[in-house]
């Protein structure tokens, strides 16, 4: 993952991010692509780094970003 070397999160925030990632992954069709999981994780990290702590918001933003990422 890129651009997260200086990120630091409390255990509580890690739990929130984990729940958001698991929830987002659960909505993906099977088979689940590891690149999609990576995009979701990076989005959640980036959004949490800005201070967002709502699981539903983190999940929604990650899924929206996944939809708009160029495929190639």
C-alpha atoms as a PDB file:
ATOM      1  CA  UNK A   1       0.000   0.000   0.000  1.00  0.00           C
ATOM      2  CA  UNK A   2       1.204   3.426  -0.819  1.00  0.00           C
ATOM      3  CA  UNK A   3       1.246   6.697   1.099  1.00  0.00           C
ATOM      4  CA  UNK A   4       0.524   5.226   4.525  1.00  0.00           C
ATOM      5  CA  UNK A   5       4.000   5.057   6.070  1.00  0.00           C
ATOM      6  CA  UNK A   6       3.164   7.887   8.485  1.00  0.00           C
ATOM      7  CA  UNK A   7      -0.338   6.624   9.374  1.00  0.00           C
ATOM      8  CA  UNK A   8      -0.980   5.621  12.959  1.00  0.00           C
ATOM      9  CA  UNK A   9      -4.290   4.372  14.322  1.00  0.00           C
ATOM     10  CA  UNK A  10      -5.520   3.374  17.755  1.00  0.00           C
ATOM     11  CA  UNK A  11      -6.809  -0.177  18.312  1.00  0.00           C
ATOM     12  CA  UNK A  12     -10.371   1.190  18.355  1.00  0.00           C
ATOM     13  CA  UNK A  13      -9.942   2.834  14.964  1.00  0.00           C
ATOM     14  CA  UNK A  14      -8.371  -0.334  13.568  1.00  0.00           C
ATOM     15  CA  UNK A  15     -11.481  -2.226  14.696  1.00  0.00           C
ATOM     16  CA  UNK A  16     -13.679   0.336  12.927  1.00  0.00           C
ATOM     17  CA  UNK A  17     -11.603   0.103   9.735  1.00  0.00           C
ATOM     18  CA  UNK A  18     -11.655  -3.697   9.880  1.00  0.00           C
ATOM     19  CA  UNK A  19     -15.437  -3.727  10.215  1.00  0.00           C
ATOM     20  CA  UNK A  20     -15.753  -1.329   7.271  1.00  0.00           C
ATOM     21  CA  UNK A  21     -13.453  -3.452   5.111  1.00  0.00           C
ATOM     22  CA  UNK A  22     -15.216  -6.699   6.013  1.00  0.00           C
ATOM     23  CA  UNK A  23     -18.595  -5.104   5.309  1.00  0.00           C
ATOM     24  CA  UNK A  24     -17.439  -3.756   1.959  1.00  0.00           C
ATOM     25  CA  UNK A  25     -15.922  -7.095   0.935  1.00  0.00           C
ATOM     26  CA  UNK A  26     -19.163  -8.863   1.880  1.00  0.00           C
ATOM     27  CA  UNK A  27     -20.999  -6.838  -0.785  1.00  0.00           C
ATOM     28  CA  UNK A  28     -18.644  -7.870  -3.610  1.00  0.00           C
ATOM     29  CA  UNK A  29     -19.682 -10.598  -6.060  1.00  0.00           C
ATOM     30  CA  UNK A  30     -17.715 -13.841  -6.027  1.00  0.00           C
ATOM     31  CA  UNK A  31     -15.009 -14.584  -6.923  1.00  0.00           C
ATOM     32  CA  UNK A  32     -13.488 -11.685  -5.015  1.00  0.00           C
ATOM     33  CA  UNK A  33     -10.582 -10.009  -6.764  1.00  0.00           C
ATOM     34  CA  UNK A  34      -7.593  -9.188  -4.540  1.00  0.00           C
ATOM     35  CA  UNK A  35      -7.058  -5.930  -6.439  1.00  0.00           C
ATOM     36  CA  UNK A  36     -10.562  -4.840  -5.423  1.00  0.00           C
ATOM     37  CA  UNK A  37      -9.842  -5.677  -1.786  1.00  0.00           C
ATOM     38  CA  UNK A  38      -6.669  -3.592  -1.998  1.00  0.00           C
ATOM     39  CA  UNK A  39      -8.586  -0.626  -3.448  1.00  0.00           C
ATOM     40  CA  UNK A  40     -11.162  -0.892  -0.653  1.00  0.00           C
ATOM     41  CA  UNK A  41      -8.467  -1.106   2.032  1.00  0.00           C
ATOM     42  CA  UNK A  42      -6.552   1.887   0.675  1.00  0.00           C
ATOM     43  CA  UNK A  43      -9.732   3.944   0.508  1.00  0.00           C
ATOM     44  CA  UNK A  44     -10.647   3.084   4.091  1.00  0.00           C
ATOM     45  CA  UNK A  45      -7.150   3.921   5.296  1.00  0.00           C
ATOM     46  CA  UNK A  46      -7.136   7.226   3.416  1.00  0.00           C
ATOM     47  CA  UNK A  47     -10.593   8.203   4.685  1.00  0.00           C
ATOM     48  CA  UNK A  48      -9.850   7.168   8.275  1.00  0.00           C
ATOM     49  CA  UNK A  49      -6.643   9.186   8.119  1.00  0.00           C
ATOM     50  CA  UNK A  50      -8.800  12.295   7.551  1.00  0.00           C
ATOM     51  CA  UNK A  51     -10.668  11.574  10.791  1.00  0.00           C
ATOM     52  CA  UNK A  52     -13.752   9.654   9.633  1.00  0.00           C
ATOM     53  CA  UNK A  53     -14.808   7.047  12.224  1.00  0.00           C
ATOM     54  CA  UNK A  54     -18.243   5.940  11.041  1.00  0.00           C
ATOM     55  CA  UNK A  55     -18.114   2.346   9.756  1.00  0.00           C
ATOM     56  CA  UNK A  56     -20.957   2.874   7.297  1.00  0.00           C
ATOM     57  CA  UNK A  57     -19.374   6.012   5.850  1.00  0.00           C
ATOM     58  CA  UNK A  58     -15.958   4.362   5.496  1.00  0.00           C
ATOM     59  CA  UNK A  59     -17.570   1.391   3.771  1.00  0.00           C
ATOM     60  CA  UNK A  60     -19.710   3.531   1.451  1.00  0.00           C
ATOM     61  CA  UNK A  61     -16.816   5.748   0.368  1.00  0.00           C
ATOM     62  CA  UNK A  62     -14.641   2.697  -0.324  1.00  0.00           C
ATOM     63  CA  UNK A  63     -17.342   1.059  -2.445  1.00  0.00           C
ATOM     64  CA  UNK A  64     -17.958   4.268  -4.401  1.00  0.00           C
ATOM     65  CA  UNK A  65     -14.224   4.650  -5.043  1.00  0.00           C
ATOM     66  CA  UNK A  66     -14.079   1.039  -6.222  1.00  0.00           C
ATOM     67  CA  UNK A  67     -16.763   1.819  -8.798  1.00  0.00           C
ATOM     68  CA  UNK A  68     -14.897   4.825 -10.210  1.00  0.00           C
ATOM     69  CA  UNK A  69     -11.367   3.385 -10.307  1.00  0.00           C
ATOM     70  CA  UNK A  70     -10.259   2.952 -13.928  1.00  0.00           C
ATOM     71  CA  UNK A  71     -10.038  -0.669 -14.983  1.00  0.00           C
ATOM     72  CA  UNK A  72      -7.085  -1.637 -17.028  1.00  0.00           C
END
